[in-house]
PDB file of N, CA and C in Angstrom:
ATOM      1  N   UNK A   1      98.995  93.455  90.196  1.00  0.00           N
ATOM      2  CA  UNK A   1      99.874  92.866  89.213  1.00  0.00           C
ATOM      3  C   UNK A   1     101.132  93.722  89.119  1.00  0.00           C
ATOM      4  N   UNK A   2     102.271  93.103  89.274  1.00  0.00           N
ATOM      5  CA  UNK A   2     103.542  93.816  89.236  1.00  0.00           C
ATOM      6  C   UNK A   2     104.030  93.947  87.796  1.00  0.00           C
ATOM      7  N   UNK A   3     104.227  95.182  87.361  1.00  0.00           N
ATOM      8  CA  UNK A   3     104.680  95.457  86.004  1.00  0.00           C
ATOM      9  C   UNK A   3     106.131  95.926  85.946  1.00  0.00           C
ATOM     10  N   UNK A   4     106.639  96.454  87.031  1.00  0.00           N
ATOM     11  CA  UNK A   4     107.992  96.995  87.051  1.00  0.00           C
ATOM     12  C   UNK A   4     109.012  95.853  86.994  1.00  0.00           C
ATOM     13  N   UNK A   5     109.967  95.927  86.073  1.00  0.00           N
ATOM     14  CA  UNK A   5     110.953  94.840  85.955  1.00  0.00           C
ATOM     15  C   UNK A   5     111.858  94.726  87.183  1.00  0.00           C
ATOM     16  N   UNK A   6     112.139  95.823  87.850  1.00  0.00           N
ATOM     17  CA  UNK A   6     112.974  95.768  89.057  1.00  0.00           C
ATOM     18  C   UNK A   6     112.202  95.133  90.204  1.00  0.00           C
ATOM     19  N   UNK A   7     110.929  95.486  90.337  1.00  0.00           N
ATOM     20  CA  UNK A   7     110.098  94.888  91.389  1.00  0.00           C
ATOM     21  C   UNK A   7     109.915  93.392  91.153  1.00  0.00           C
ATOM     22  N   UNK A   8     109.845  93.001  89.902  1.00  0.00           N
ATOM     23  CA  UNK A   8     109.751  91.573  89.592  1.00  0.00           C
ATOM     24  C   UNK A   8     111.026  90.839  89.983  1.00  0.00           C
ATOM     25  N   UNK A   9     112.176  91.462  89.768  1.00  0.00           N
ATOM     26  CA  UNK A   9     113.459  90.807  90.020  1.00  0.00           C
ATOM     27  C   UNK A   9     113.831  90.786  91.505  1.00  0.00           C
ATOM     28  N   UNK A  10     113.765  91.947  92.170  1.00  0.00           N
ATOM     29  CA  UNK A  10     114.250  92.019  93.553  1.00  0.00           C
ATOM     30  C   UNK A  10     113.237  92.571  94.547  1.00  0.00           C
ATOM     31  N   UNK A  11     112.169  93.193  94.075  1.00  0.00           N
ATOM     32  CA  UNK A  11     111.175  93.782  94.967  1.00  0.00           C
ATOM     33  C   UNK A  11     111.366  95.286  95.075  1.00  0.00           C
ATOM     34  N   UNK A  12     110.307  95.970  95.384  1.00  0.00           N
ATOM     35  CA  UNK A  12     110.337  97.433  95.456  1.00  0.00           C
ATOM     36  C   UNK A  12     111.313  97.945  96.516  1.00  0.00           C
ATOM     37  N   UNK A  13     111.298  97.365  97.701  1.00  0.00           N
ATOM     38  CA  UNK A  13     112.109  97.898  98.791  1.00  0.00           C
ATOM     39  C   UNK A  13     113.603  97.772  98.537  1.00  0.00           C
ATOM     40  N   UNK A  14     114.038  96.874  97.665  1.00  0.00           N
ATOM     41  CA  UNK A  14     115.461  96.721  97.358  1.00  0.00           C
ATOM     42  C   UNK A  14     115.883  97.560  96.159  1.00  0.00           C
ATOM     43  N   UNK A  15     114.963  98.224  95.514  1.00  0.00           N
ATOM     44  CA  UNK A  15     115.250  99.037  94.342  1.00  0.00           C
ATOM     45  C   UNK A  15     115.989 100.311  94.747  1.00  0.00           C
ATOM     46  N   UNK A  16     116.938 100.740  93.923  1.00  0.00           N
ATOM     47  CA  UNK A  16     117.698 101.960  94.188  1.00  0.00           C
ATOM     48  C   UNK A  16     116.826 103.210  94.088  1.00  0.00           C
ATOM     49  N   UNK A  17     115.758 103.152  93.332  1.00  0.00           N
ATOM     50  CA  UNK A  17     114.882 104.311  93.140  1.00  0.00           C
ATOM     51  C   UNK A  17     113.643 104.284  94.040  1.00  0.00           C
ATOM     52  N   UNK A  18     113.608 103.419  95.039  1.00  0.00           N
ATOM     53  CA  UNK A  18     112.428 103.245  95.899  1.00  0.00           C
ATOM     54  C   UNK A  18     111.952 104.554  96.520  1.00  0.00           C
ATOM     55  N   UNK A  19     112.867 105.344  97.046  1.00  0.00           N
ATOM     56  CA  UNK A  19     112.475 106.570  97.755  1.00  0.00           C
ATOM     57  C   UNK A  19     111.872 107.630  96.846  1.00  0.00           C
ATOM     58  N   UNK A  20     112.177 107.607  95.561  1.00  0.00           N
ATOM     59  CA  UNK A  20     111.668 108.636  94.660  1.00  0.00           C
ATOM     60  C   UNK A  20     110.622 108.110  93.669  1.00  0.00           C
ATOM     61  N   UNK A  21     110.344 106.830  93.706  1.00  0.00           N
ATOM     62  CA  UNK A  21     109.406 106.245  92.744  1.00  0.00           C
ATOM     63  C   UNK A  21     107.969 106.668  93.056  1.00  0.00           C
ATOM     64  N   UNK A  22     107.306 107.363  92.144  1.00  0.00           N
ATOM     65  CA  UNK A  22     105.941 107.814  92.408  1.00  0.00           C
ATOM     66  C   UNK A  22     104.877 106.741  92.167  1.00  0.00           C
ATOM     67  N   UNK A  23     105.231 105.644  91.520  1.00  0.00           N
ATOM     68  CA  UNK A  23     104.231 104.629  91.179  1.00  0.00           C
ATOM     69  C   UNK A  23     104.549 103.249  91.771  1.00  0.00           C
ATOM     70  N   UNK A  24     105.298 103.225  92.879  1.00  0.00           N
ATOM     71  CA  UNK A  24     105.691 101.944  93.458  1.00  0.00           C
ATOM     72  C   UNK A  24     104.490 101.113  93.912  1.00  0.00           C
ATOM     73  N   UNK A  25     103.407 101.736  94.281  1.00  0.00           N
ATOM     74  CA  UNK A  25     102.208 101.007  94.680  1.00  0.00           C
ATOM     75  C   UNK A  25     101.306 100.665  93.507  1.00  0.00           C
ATOM     76  N   UNK A  26     101.561 101.275  92.345  1.00  0.00           N
ATOM     77  CA  UNK A  26     100.726 101.049  91.167  1.00  0.00           C
ATOM     78  C   UNK A  26     101.315  99.958  90.275  1.00  0.00           C
ATOM     79  N   UNK A  27     102.591 100.106  89.905  1.00  0.00           N
ATOM     80  CA  UNK A  27     103.205  99.115  89.015  1.00  0.00           C
ATOM     81  C   UNK A  27     104.152  98.169  89.741  1.00  0.00           C
ATOM     82  N   UNK A  28     104.481  98.510  91.005  1.00  0.00           N
ATOM     83  CA  UNK A  28     105.393  97.677  91.781  1.00  0.00           C
ATOM     84  C   UNK A  28     104.649  96.788  92.766  1.00  0.00           C
ATOM     85  N   UNK A  29     105.396  96.206  93.708  1.00  0.00           N
ATOM     86  CA  UNK A  29     104.792  95.305  94.677  1.00  0.00           C
ATOM     87  C   UNK A  29     104.728  95.921  96.075  1.00  0.00           C
ATOM     88  N   UNK A  30     104.913  97.240  96.190  1.00  0.00           N
ATOM     89  CA  UNK A  30     104.937  97.910  97.483  1.00  0.00           C
ATOM     90  C   UNK A  30     103.554  97.949  98.106  1.00  0.00           C
ATOM     91  N   UNK A  31     103.487  97.516  99.366  1.00  0.00           N
ATOM     92  CA  UNK A  31     102.248  97.588 100.145  1.00  0.00           C
ATOM     93  C   UNK A  31     102.548  98.429 101.385  1.00  0.00           C
ATOM     94  N   UNK A  32     101.926  99.597 101.512  1.00  0.00           N
ATOM     95  CA  UNK A  32     102.213 100.442 102.673  1.00  0.00           C
ATOM     96  C   UNK A  32     101.759  99.765 103.966  1.00  0.00           C
ATOM     97  N   UNK A  33     102.495 100.037 105.055  1.00  0.00           N
ATOM     98  CA  UNK A  33     102.119  99.496 106.357  1.00  0.00           C
ATOM     99  C   UNK A  33     100.845 100.175 106.819  1.00  0.00           C
ATOM    100  N   UNK A  34     100.049  99.469 107.618  1.00  0.00           N
ATOM    101  CA  UNK A  34      98.810 100.066 108.109  1.00  0.00           C
ATOM    102  C   UNK A  34      99.154 101.219 109.040  1.00  0.00           C
ATOM    103  N   UNK A  35      98.451 102.299 108.895  1.00  0.00           N
ATOM    104  CA  UNK A  35      98.749 103.499 109.665  1.00  0.00           C
ATOM    105  C   UNK A  35      97.906 103.587 110.929  1.00  0.00           C
ATOM    106  N   UNK A  36      97.046 102.628 111.170  1.00  0.00           N
ATOM    107  CA  UNK A  36      96.240 102.637 112.378  1.00  0.00           C
ATOM    108  C   UNK A  36      97.059 102.074 113.528  1.00  0.00           C
ATOM    109  N   UNK A  37      97.171 102.822 114.606  1.00  0.00           N
ATOM    110  CA  UNK A  37      97.960 102.329 115.733  1.00  0.00           C
ATOM    111  C   UNK A  37      97.250 101.177 116.436  1.00  0.00           C
ATOM    112  N   UNK A  38      98.040 100.281 116.984  1.00  0.00           N
ATOM    113  CA  UNK A  38      97.471  99.141 117.705  1.00  0.00           C
ATOM    114  C   UNK A  38      96.824  99.648 118.989  1.00  0.00           C
ATOM    115  N   UNK A  39      95.752  99.008 119.393  1.00  0.00           N
ATOM    116  CA  UNK A  39      95.077  99.400 120.626  1.00  0.00           C
ATOM    117  C   UNK A  39      95.949  99.045 121.811  1.00  0.00           C
ATOM    118  N   UNK A  40      96.010  99.976 122.764  1.00  0.00           N
ATOM    119  CA  UNK A  40      96.806  99.739 123.969  1.00  0.00           C
ATOM    120  C   UNK A  40      95.961  99.015 125.000  1.00  0.00           C
ATOM    121  N   UNK A  41      96.587  98.113 125.690  1.00  0.00           N
ATOM    122  CA  UNK A  41      95.883  97.394 126.757  1.00  0.00           C
ATOM    123  C   UNK A  41      95.974  98.219 128.031  1.00  0.00           C
ATOM    124  N   UNK A  42      95.236  97.832 129.042  1.00  0.00           N
ATOM    125  CA  UNK A  42      95.210  98.575 130.298  1.00  0.00           C
ATOM    126  C   UNK A  42      96.589  98.600 130.956  1.00  0.00           C
ATOM    127  N   UNK A  43      97.380  97.529 130.804  1.00  0.00           N
ATOM    128  CA  UNK A  43      98.700  97.495 131.427  1.00  0.00           C
ATOM    129  C   UNK A  43      99.673  98.422 130.716  1.00  0.00           C
ATOM    130  N   UNK A  44      99.501  98.667 129.429  1.00  0.00           N
ATOM    131  CA  UNK A  44     100.399  99.564 128.697  1.00  0.00           C
ATOM    132  C   UNK A  44     100.094 101.026 128.968  1.00  0.00           C
ATOM    133  N   UNK A  45      98.874 101.344 129.393  1.00  0.00           N
ATOM    134  CA  UNK A  45      98.490 102.732 129.630  1.00  0.00           C
ATOM    135  C   UNK A  45      99.105 103.293 130.905  1.00  0.00           C
ATOM    136  N   UNK A  46      99.512 102.448 131.820  1.00  0.00           N
ATOM    137  CA  UNK A  46     100.023 102.907 133.127  1.00  0.00           C
ATOM    138  C   UNK A  46     101.365 103.514 133.006  1.00  0.00           C
TER     139      UNK A  46
END
């Protein structure tokens, strides 16, 4: 549930305080990208 008024209006990533916001994932709509790397196929390993 998004509680931040800026995240409601424009989204976390467009907020001026995005880089310093400690609660963007708690009260905002920020979803971190998955940190697991994609599996490489046999053709990419060469």
